[in-house]
């Protein structure tokens, strides 16, 4: 979530355990599940990075 915020994504709302991010000029919304301190699975993490158009570094 910090990576999204550093790249211009804004937390629009929290719905249950999901944080919904938006960015001006983008039609997509990104939903990040937050379940305690459990990390995101690699596949979901890769998908979110691709949606946000972030470098894979």
PDB file of N, CA and C in Angstrom:
ATOM      1  N   UNK A   1       0.826  -1.189   0.000  1.00  0.00           N
ATOM      2  CA  UNK A   1       0.000   0.000   0.000  1.00  0.00           C
ATOM      3  C   UNK A   1       0.871   1.254   0.000  1.00  0.00           C
ATOM      4  N   UNK A   2       1.993   1.194   0.718  1.00  0.00           N
ATOM      5  CA  UNK A   2       2.897   2.347   0.723  1.00  0.00           C
ATOM      6  C   UNK A   2       3.468   2.597  -0.663  1.00  0.00           C
ATOM      7  N   UNK A   3       3.742   1.533  -1.388  1.00  0.00           N
ATOM      8  CA  UNK A   3       4.273   1.656  -2.745  1.00  0.00           C
ATOM      9  C   UNK A   3       3.259   2.351  -3.651  1.00  0.00           C
ATOM     10  N   UNK A   4       1.994   2.002  -3.522  1.00  0.00           N
ATOM     11  CA  UNK A   4       0.949   2.662  -4.315  1.00  0.00           C
ATOM     12  C   UNK A   4       0.870   4.146  -3.975  1.00  0.00           C
ATOM     13  N   UNK A   5       0.863   4.448  -2.683  1.00  0.00           N
ATOM     14  CA  UNK A   5       0.752   5.848  -2.256  1.00  0.00           C
ATOM     15  C   UNK A   5       1.949   6.675  -2.711  1.00  0.00           C
ATOM     16  N   UNK A   6       3.140   6.078  -2.715  1.00  0.00           N
ATOM     17  CA  UNK A   6       4.336   6.798  -3.178  1.00  0.00           C
ATOM     18  C   UNK A   6       4.287   7.089  -4.673  1.00  0.00           C
ATOM     19  N   UNK A   7       3.470   6.327  -5.404  1.00  0.00           N
ATOM     20  CA  UNK A   7       3.366   6.501  -6.848  1.00  0.00           C
ATOM     21  C   UNK A   7       2.081   7.200  -7.268  1.00  0.00           C
ATOM     22  N   UNK A   8       1.477   7.965  -6.360  1.00  0.00           N
ATOM     23  CA  UNK A   8       0.356   8.817  -6.722  1.00  0.00           C
ATOM     24  C   UNK A   8      -1.033   8.228  -6.536  1.00  0.00           C
ATOM     25  N   UNK A   9      -1.127   6.993  -6.054  1.00  0.00           N
ATOM     26  CA  UNK A   9      -2.439   6.390  -5.815  1.00  0.00           C
ATOM     27  C   UNK A   9      -2.979   6.899  -4.488  1.00  0.00           C
ATOM     28  N   UNK A  10      -4.283   7.139  -4.428  1.00  0.00           N
ATOM     29  CA  UNK A  10      -4.925   7.722  -3.253  1.00  0.00           C
ATOM     30  C   UNK A  10      -5.924   6.730  -2.687  1.00  0.00           C
ATOM     31  N   UNK A  11      -5.900   6.559  -1.374  1.00  0.00           N
ATOM     32  CA  UNK A  11      -6.863   5.687  -0.706  1.00  0.00           C
ATOM     33  C   UNK A  11      -8.230   6.344  -0.784  1.00  0.00           C
ATOM     34  N   UNK A  12      -9.134   5.746  -1.562  1.00  0.00           N
ATOM     35  CA  UNK A  12     -10.473   6.305  -1.742  1.00  0.00           C
ATOM     36  C   UNK A  12     -11.380   5.918  -0.583  1.00  0.00           C
ATOM     37  N   UNK A  13     -11.351   4.622  -0.240  1.00  0.00           N
ATOM     38  CA  UNK A  13     -12.212   4.163   0.848  1.00  0.00           C
ATOM     39  C   UNK A  13     -11.712   2.811   1.341  1.00  0.00           C
ATOM     40  N   UNK A  14     -12.234   2.423   2.490  1.00  0.00           N
ATOM     41  CA  UNK A  14     -11.971   1.088   3.035  1.00  0.00           C
ATOM     42  C   UNK A  14     -13.316   0.397   3.118  1.00  0.00           C
ATOM     43  N   UNK A  15     -13.397  -0.760   2.497  1.00  0.00           N
ATOM     44  CA  UNK A  15     -14.651  -1.509   2.494  1.00  0.00           C
ATOM     45  C   UNK A  15     -14.354  -2.890   3.064  1.00  0.00           C
ATOM     46  N   UNK A  16     -14.741  -3.080   4.307  1.00  0.00           N
ATOM     47  CA  UNK A  16     -14.417  -4.333   4.983  1.00  0.00           C
ATOM     48  C   UNK A  16     -12.920  -4.427   5.197  1.00  0.00           C
ATOM     49  N   UNK A  17     -12.309  -5.497   4.680  1.00  0.00           N
ATOM     50  CA  UNK A  17     -10.867  -5.664   4.840  1.00  0.00           C
ATOM     51  C   UNK A  17     -10.112  -5.301   3.563  1.00  0.00           C
ATOM     52  N   UNK A  18     -10.756  -4.561   2.663  1.00  0.00           N
ATOM     53  CA  UNK A  18     -10.117  -4.176   1.408  1.00  0.00           C
ATOM     54  C   UNK A  18      -9.950  -2.658   1.338  1.00  0.00           C
ATOM     55  N   UNK A  19      -8.759  -2.235   0.948  1.00  0.00           N
ATOM     56  CA  UNK A  19      -8.471  -0.817   0.762  1.00  0.00           C
ATOM     57  C   UNK A  19      -8.545  -0.538  -0.731  1.00  0.00           C
ATOM     58  N   UNK A  20      -9.370   0.417  -1.117  1.00  0.00           N
ATOM     59  CA  UNK A  20      -9.612   0.741  -2.514  1.00  0.00           C
ATOM     60  C   UNK A  20      -8.820   2.002  -2.869  1.00  0.00           C
ATOM     61  N   UNK A  21      -7.942   1.893  -3.874  1.00  0.00           N
ATOM     62  CA  UNK A  21      -7.099   3.002  -4.304  1.00  0.00           C
ATOM     63  C   UNK A  21      -7.519   3.470  -5.691  1.00  0.00           C
ATOM     64  N   UNK A  22      -7.427   4.796  -5.913  1.00  0.00           N
ATOM     65  CA  UNK A  22      -7.705   5.395  -7.215  1.00  0.00           C
ATOM     66  C   UNK A  22      -6.555   6.321  -7.578  1.00  0.00           C
ATOM     67  N   UNK A  23      -6.489   6.682  -8.871  1.00  0.00           N
ATOM     68  CA  UNK A  23      -5.472   7.630  -9.326  1.00  0.00           C
ATOM     69  C   UNK A  23      -6.084   8.458 -10.443  1.00  0.00           C
ATOM     70  N   UNK A  24      -5.846   9.768 -10.396  1.00  0.00           N
ATOM     71  CA  UNK A  24      -6.346  10.649 -11.446  1.00  0.00           C
ATOM     72  C   UNK A  24      -5.827  10.201 -12.804  1.00  0.00           C
ATOM     73  N   UNK A  25      -6.716  10.188 -13.785  1.00  0.00           N
ATOM     74  CA  UNK A  25      -6.329   9.819 -15.138  1.00  0.00           C
ATOM     75  C   UNK A  25      -6.362   8.324 -15.399  1.00  0.00           C
ATOM     76  N   UNK A  26      -6.671   7.528 -14.411  1.00  0.00           N
ATOM     77  CA  UNK A  26      -6.740   6.073 -14.572  1.00  0.00           C
ATOM     78  C   UNK A  26      -8.183   5.608 -14.392  1.00  0.00           C
ATOM     79  N   UNK A  27      -8.616   4.698 -15.251  1.00  0.00           N
ATOM     80  CA  UNK A  27      -9.979   4.172 -15.160  1.00  0.00           C
ATOM     81  C   UNK A  27     -10.074   3.013 -14.171  1.00  0.00           C
ATOM     82  N   UNK A  28      -8.931   2.466 -13.793  1.00  0.00           N
ATOM     83  CA  UNK A  28      -8.919   1.285 -12.928  1.00  0.00           C
ATOM     84  C   UNK A  28      -8.880   1.679 -11.457  1.00  0.00           C
ATOM     85  N   UNK A  29      -9.516   0.865 -10.634  1.00  0.00           N
ATOM     86  CA  UNK A  29      -9.422   0.983  -9.176  1.00  0.00           C
ATOM     87  C   UNK A  29      -8.681  -0.251  -8.692  1.00  0.00           C
ATOM     88  N   UNK A  30      -7.860  -0.072  -7.696  1.00  0.00           N
ATOM     89  CA  UNK A  30      -7.084  -1.194  -7.166  1.00  0.00           C
ATOM     90  C   UNK A  30      -7.570  -1.517  -5.759  1.00  0.00           C
ATOM     91  N   UNK A  31      -7.930  -2.778  -5.567  1.00  0.00           N
ATOM     92  CA  UNK A  31      -8.422  -3.247  -4.281  1.00  0.00           C
ATOM     93  C   UNK A  31      -7.353  -4.122  -3.633  1.00  0.00           C
ATOM     94  N   UNK A  32      -6.860  -3.685  -2.475  1.00  0.00           N
ATOM     95  CA  UNK A  32      -5.803  -4.414  -1.770  1.00  0.00           C
ATOM     96  C   UNK A  32      -6.394  -5.038  -0.510  1.00  0.00           C
ATOM     97  N   UNK A  33      -6.389  -6.383  -0.417  1.00  0.00           N
ATOM     98  CA  UNK A  33      -6.901  -7.019   0.795  1.00  0.00           C
ATOM     99  C   UNK A  33      -5.915  -6.848   1.952  1.00  0.00           C
ATOM    100  N   UNK A  34      -6.436  -6.505   3.112  1.00  0.00           N
ATOM    101  CA  UNK A  34      -5.601  -6.338   4.300  1.00  0.00           C
ATOM    102  C   UNK A  34      -6.131  -7.279   5.369  1.00  0.00           C
ATOM    103  N   UNK A  35      -5.357  -8.326   5.639  1.00  0.00           N
ATOM    104  CA  UNK A  35      -5.766  -9.329   6.623  1.00  0.00           C
ATOM    105  C   UNK A  35      -4.682  -9.443   7.684  1.00  0.00           C
ATOM    106  N   UNK A  36      -4.711  -8.524   8.616  1.00  0.00           N
ATOM    107  CA  UNK A  36      -3.712  -8.514   9.678  1.00  0.00           C
ATOM    108  C   UNK A  36      -2.333  -8.225   9.121  1.00  0.00           C
ATOM    109  N   UNK A  37      -1.357  -8.979   9.577  1.00  0.00           N
ATOM    110  CA  UNK A  37       0.021  -8.779   9.122  1.00  0.00           C
ATOM    111  C   UNK A  37       0.422  -9.782   8.050  1.00  0.00           C
ATOM    112  N   UNK A  38      -0.539 -10.508   7.492  1.00  0.00           N
ATOM    113  CA  UNK A  38      -0.210 -11.507   6.473  1.00  0.00           C
ATOM    114  C   UNK A  38       0.175 -10.817   5.173  1.00  0.00           C
ATOM    115  N   UNK A  39       1.283 -11.233   4.569  1.00  0.00           N
ATOM    116  CA  UNK A  39       1.712 -10.624   3.300  1.00  0.00           C
ATOM    117  C   UNK A  39       0.824 -11.083   2.146  1.00  0.00           C
ATOM    118  N   UNK A  40       0.830 -10.300   1.075  1.00  0.00           N
ATOM    119  CA  UNK A  40       0.087 -10.677  -0.124  1.00  0.00           C
ATOM    120  C   UNK A  40       0.793 -11.845  -0.799  1.00  0.00           C
ATOM    121  N   UNK A  41       0.007 -12.710  -1.438  1.00  0.00           N
ATOM    122  CA  UNK A  41       0.608 -13.800  -2.191  1.00  0.00           C
ATOM    123  C   UNK A  41       1.273 -13.229  -3.436  1.00  0.00           C
ATOM    124  N   UNK A  42       2.263 -13.932  -3.934  1.00  0.00           N
ATOM    125  CA  UNK A  42       3.089 -13.443  -5.046  1.00  0.00           C
ATOM    126  C   UNK A  42       2.244 -13.151  -6.286  1.00  0.00           C
ATOM    127  N   UNK A  43       1.299 -14.026  -6.626  1.00  0.00           N
ATOM    128  CA  UNK A  43       0.474 -13.826  -7.815  1.00  0.00           C
ATOM    129  C   UNK A  43      -0.370 -12.571  -7.722  1.00  0.00           C
ATOM    130  N   UNK A  44      -0.995 -12.348  -6.569  1.00  0.00           N
ATOM    131  CA  UNK A  44      -1.815 -11.153  -6.366  1.00  0.00           C
ATOM    132  C   UNK A  44      -0.941  -9.906  -6.374  1.00  0.00           C
ATOM    133  N   UNK A  45       0.204  -9.998  -5.749  1.00  0.00           N
ATOM    134  CA  UNK A  45       1.122  -8.864  -5.717  1.00  0.00           C
ATOM    135  C   UNK A  45       1.550  -8.482  -7.137  1.00  0.00           C
ATOM    136  N   UNK A  46       1.877  -9.467  -7.955  1.00  0.00           N
ATOM    137  CA  UNK A  46       2.270  -9.202  -9.345  1.00  0.00           C
ATOM    138  C   UNK A  46       1.124  -8.590 -10.132  1.00  0.00           C
ATOM    139  N   UNK A  47      -0.088  -9.072  -9.908  1.00  0.00           N
ATOM    140  CA  UNK A  47      -1.263  -8.543 -10.609  1.00  0.00           C
ATOM    141  C   UNK A  47      -1.504  -7.073 -10.241  1.00  0.00           C
ATOM    142  N   UNK A  48      -1.399  -6.747  -8.969  1.00  0.00           N
ATOM    143  CA  UNK A  48      -1.613  -5.370  -8.524  1.00  0.00           C
ATOM    144  C   UNK A  48      -0.541  -4.435  -9.079  1.00  0.00           C
ATOM    145  N   UNK A  49       0.697  -4.909  -9.127  1.00  0.00           N
ATOM    146  CA  UNK A  49       1.786  -4.098  -9.694  1.00  0.00           C
ATOM    147  C   UNK A  49       1.534  -3.837 -11.173  1.00  0.00           C
ATOM    148  N   UNK A  50       1.038  -4.845 -11.879  1.00  0.00           N
ATOM    149  CA  UNK A  50       0.732  -4.695 -13.300  1.00  0.00           C
ATOM    150  C   UNK A  50      -0.413  -3.708 -13.503  1.00  0.00           C
ATOM    151  N   UNK A  51      -1.473  -3.811 -12.689  1.00  0.00           N
ATOM    152  CA  UNK A  51      -2.596  -2.879 -12.792  1.00  0.00           C
ATOM    153  C   UNK A  51      -2.173  -1.434 -12.531  1.00  0.00           C
ATOM    154  N   UNK A  52      -1.287  -1.258 -11.552  1.00  0.00           N
ATOM    155  CA  UNK A  52      -0.837   0.091 -11.179  1.00  0.00           C
ATOM    156  C   UNK A  52       0.225   0.619 -12.121  1.00  0.00           C
ATOM    157  N   UNK A  53       0.672  -0.219 -13.057  1.00  0.00           N
ATOM    158  CA  UNK A  53       1.723   0.149 -14.007  1.00  0.00           C
ATOM    159  C   UNK A  53       2.989   0.613 -13.294  1.00  0.00           C
ATOM    160  N   UNK A  54       3.388  -0.156 -12.303  1.00  0.00           N
ATOM    161  CA  UNK A  54       4.614   0.120 -11.542  1.00  0.00           C
ATOM    162  C   UNK A  54       5.745  -0.747 -12.069  1.00  0.00           C
ATOM    163  N   UNK A  55       6.982  -0.306 -11.921  1.00  0.00           N
ATOM    164  CA  UNK A  55       8.103  -1.169 -12.312  1.00  0.00           C
ATOM    165  C   UNK A  55       8.167  -2.384 -11.390  1.00  0.00           C
ATOM    166  N   UNK A  56       8.616  -3.513 -11.907  1.00  0.00           N
ATOM    167  CA  UNK A  56       8.631  -4.758 -11.118  1.00  0.00           C
ATOM    168  C   UNK A  56       9.748  -4.820 -10.096  1.00  0.00           C
ATOM    169  N   UNK A  57      10.504  -3.783  -9.946  1.00  0.00           N
ATOM    170  CA  UNK A  57      11.610  -3.760  -8.981  1.00  0.00           C
ATOM    171  C   UNK A  57      11.049  -3.869  -7.641  1.00  0.00           C
TER     172      UNK A  57
END
